[in-house]
Amino acid sequence: MGKSDKELAVELVIAQIQATSVIKHAGHVLKSETVTNLITTYYNALHSLDDN
């Protein structure tokens, strides 16, 4: 069974957070609002691909 758009969006955000943590200096914290916005953006993008 394939992953849902929500699952894929969360996985993409986790990957982005991990990549960001490697690039940024220690002590940099992503705000929860930023994470929520990333999940929403990725979810909407994936959902729109399903519609096409």
N, C-alpha and C. Protein backbone atom coordinates (compact mmCIF):
# COMPACT_ATOMS: atom_id res chain seq x y z
N MET A 1 0.84 -1.18 0.00
CA MET A 1 0.00 0.00 0.00
C MET A 1 0.88 1.24 0.00
N GLY A 2 0.57 2.20 -0.88
CA GLY A 2 1.36 3.42 -0.97
C GLY A 2 1.12 4.34 0.21
N LYS A 3 2.03 5.26 0.37
CA LYS A 3 1.90 6.21 1.46
C LYS A 3 0.95 7.33 1.06
N SER A 4 0.27 7.86 2.06
CA SER A 4 -0.66 8.97 1.81
C SER A 4 0.13 10.26 1.60
N ASP A 5 -0.55 11.27 1.08
CA ASP A 5 0.08 12.57 0.90
C ASP A 5 0.57 13.13 2.23
N LYS A 6 -0.21 12.91 3.29
CA LYS A 6 0.19 13.41 4.61
C LYS A 6 1.47 12.74 5.08
N GLU A 7 1.56 11.42 4.89
CA GLU A 7 2.77 10.70 5.30
C GLU A 7 3.98 11.17 4.51
N LEU A 8 3.82 11.35 3.21
CA LEU A 8 4.92 11.82 2.37
C LEU A 8 5.33 13.24 2.75
N ALA A 9 4.36 14.10 3.02
CA ALA A 9 4.66 15.47 3.40
C ALA A 9 5.47 15.51 4.70
N VAL A 10 5.07 14.71 5.67
CA VAL A 10 5.79 14.67 6.95
C VAL A 10 7.21 14.14 6.74
N GLU A 11 7.37 13.11 5.91
CA GLU A 11 8.70 12.57 5.64
C GLU A 11 9.59 13.61 4.95
N LEU A 12 9.02 14.38 4.03
CA LEU A 12 9.79 15.42 3.36
C LEU A 12 10.23 16.50 4.34
N VAL A 13 9.34 16.88 5.24
CA VAL A 13 9.69 17.90 6.23
C VAL A 13 10.76 17.38 7.18
N ILE A 14 10.66 16.14 7.60
CA ILE A 14 11.69 15.55 8.47
C ILE A 14 13.04 15.57 7.76
N ALA A 15 13.05 15.19 6.49
CA ALA A 15 14.30 15.21 5.72
C ALA A 15 14.85 16.63 5.61
N GLN A 16 13.97 17.60 5.40
CA GLN A 16 14.42 18.99 5.30
C GLN A 16 14.97 19.48 6.63
N ILE A 17 14.32 19.11 7.73
CA ILE A 17 14.80 19.51 9.05
C ILE A 17 16.17 18.90 9.31
N GLN A 18 16.35 17.63 8.96
CA GLN A 18 17.64 16.98 9.15
C GLN A 18 18.72 17.65 8.31
N ALA A 19 18.40 17.99 7.07
CA ALA A 19 19.37 18.67 6.22
C ALA A 19 19.70 20.06 6.76
N THR A 20 18.68 20.75 7.25
CA THR A 20 18.89 22.08 7.81
C THR A 20 19.77 22.01 9.04
N SER A 21 19.58 20.99 9.87
CA SER A 21 20.37 20.88 11.10
C SER A 21 21.84 20.63 10.79
N VAL A 22 22.13 20.01 9.66
CA VAL A 22 23.52 19.79 9.28
C VAL A 22 24.14 21.10 8.81
N ILE A 23 23.35 21.91 8.12
CA ILE A 23 23.86 23.15 7.53
C ILE A 23 23.96 24.28 8.57
N LYS A 24 22.97 24.40 9.43
CA LYS A 24 22.91 25.52 10.38
C LYS A 24 23.88 25.33 11.54
N HIS A 25 24.15 26.42 12.20
CA HIS A 25 24.99 26.38 13.39
C HIS A 25 24.23 25.74 14.54
N ALA A 26 24.97 25.20 15.48
CA ALA A 26 24.34 24.60 16.66
C ALA A 26 23.55 25.67 17.40
N GLY A 27 22.42 25.26 17.96
CA GLY A 27 21.60 26.18 18.72
C GLY A 27 20.45 26.78 17.93
N HIS A 28 20.46 26.59 16.62
CA HIS A 28 19.36 27.10 15.79
C HIS A 28 18.15 26.19 15.96
N VAL A 29 17.02 26.77 16.24
CA VAL A 29 15.81 25.98 16.49
C VAL A 29 14.74 26.41 15.48
N LEU A 30 14.09 25.42 14.86
CA LEU A 30 12.96 25.71 13.98
C LEU A 30 11.72 25.91 14.82
N LYS A 31 10.99 26.96 14.57
CA LYS A 31 9.75 27.21 15.29
C LYS A 31 8.69 26.22 14.83
N SER A 32 7.77 25.89 15.73
CA SER A 32 6.71 24.95 15.38
C SER A 32 5.86 25.48 14.23
N GLU A 33 5.70 26.78 14.15
CA GLU A 33 4.93 27.38 13.05
C GLU A 33 5.62 27.12 11.71
N THR A 34 6.94 27.16 11.70
CA THR A 34 7.69 26.88 10.48
C THR A 34 7.49 25.44 10.04
N VAL A 35 7.55 24.52 10.99
CA VAL A 35 7.35 23.10 10.67
C VAL A 35 5.94 22.87 10.15
N THR A 36 4.97 23.48 10.80
CA THR A 36 3.57 23.35 10.35
C THR A 36 3.40 23.89 8.94
N ASN A 37 4.00 25.03 8.66
CA ASN A 37 3.91 25.61 7.31
C ASN A 37 4.57 24.72 6.27
N LEU A 38 5.70 24.11 6.61
CA LEU A 38 6.37 23.20 5.68
C LEU A 38 5.49 21.99 5.38
N ILE A 39 4.91 21.41 6.43
CA ILE A 39 4.04 20.24 6.23
C ILE A 39 2.86 20.62 5.34
N THR A 40 2.24 21.75 5.61
CA THR A 40 1.10 22.19 4.81
C THR A 40 1.50 22.42 3.36
N THR A 41 2.63 23.06 3.14
CA THR A 41 3.10 23.32 1.77
C THR A 41 3.35 22.04 1.02
N TYR A 42 4.07 21.10 1.63
CA TYR A 42 4.35 19.83 0.96
C TYR A 42 3.07 19.03 0.74
N TYR A 43 2.20 19.03 1.72
CA TYR A 43 0.94 18.29 1.58
C TYR A 43 0.13 18.84 0.41
N ASN A 44 0.00 20.14 0.34
CA ASN A 44 -0.77 20.76 -0.74
C ASN A 44 -0.15 20.46 -2.10
N ALA A 45 1.17 20.50 -2.17
CA ALA A 45 1.85 20.20 -3.44
C ALA A 45 1.61 18.75 -3.86
N LEU A 46 1.73 17.83 -2.92
CA LEU A 46 1.51 16.42 -3.23
C LEU A 46 0.05 16.16 -3.59
N HIS A 47 -0.85 16.80 -2.88
CA HIS A 47 -2.28 16.63 -3.14
C HIS A 47 -2.64 17.14 -4.54
N SER A 48 -2.04 18.25 -4.93
CA SER A 48 -2.33 18.80 -6.26
C SER A 48 -1.80 17.88 -7.36
N LEU A 49 -0.72 17.16 -7.10
CA LEU A 49 -0.21 16.20 -8.08
C LEU A 49 -1.19 15.05 -8.26
N ASP A 50 -1.85 14.63 -7.18
CA ASP A 50 -2.86 13.57 -7.27
C ASP A 50 -4.04 14.00 -8.13
N ASP A 51 -4.37 15.28 -8.07
CA ASP A 51 -5.52 15.80 -8.83
C ASP A 51 -5.25 15.87 -10.33
N ASN A 52 -3.97 15.90 -10.69
CA ASN A 52 -3.62 16.02 -12.12
C ASN A 52 -3.51 14.71 -12.79
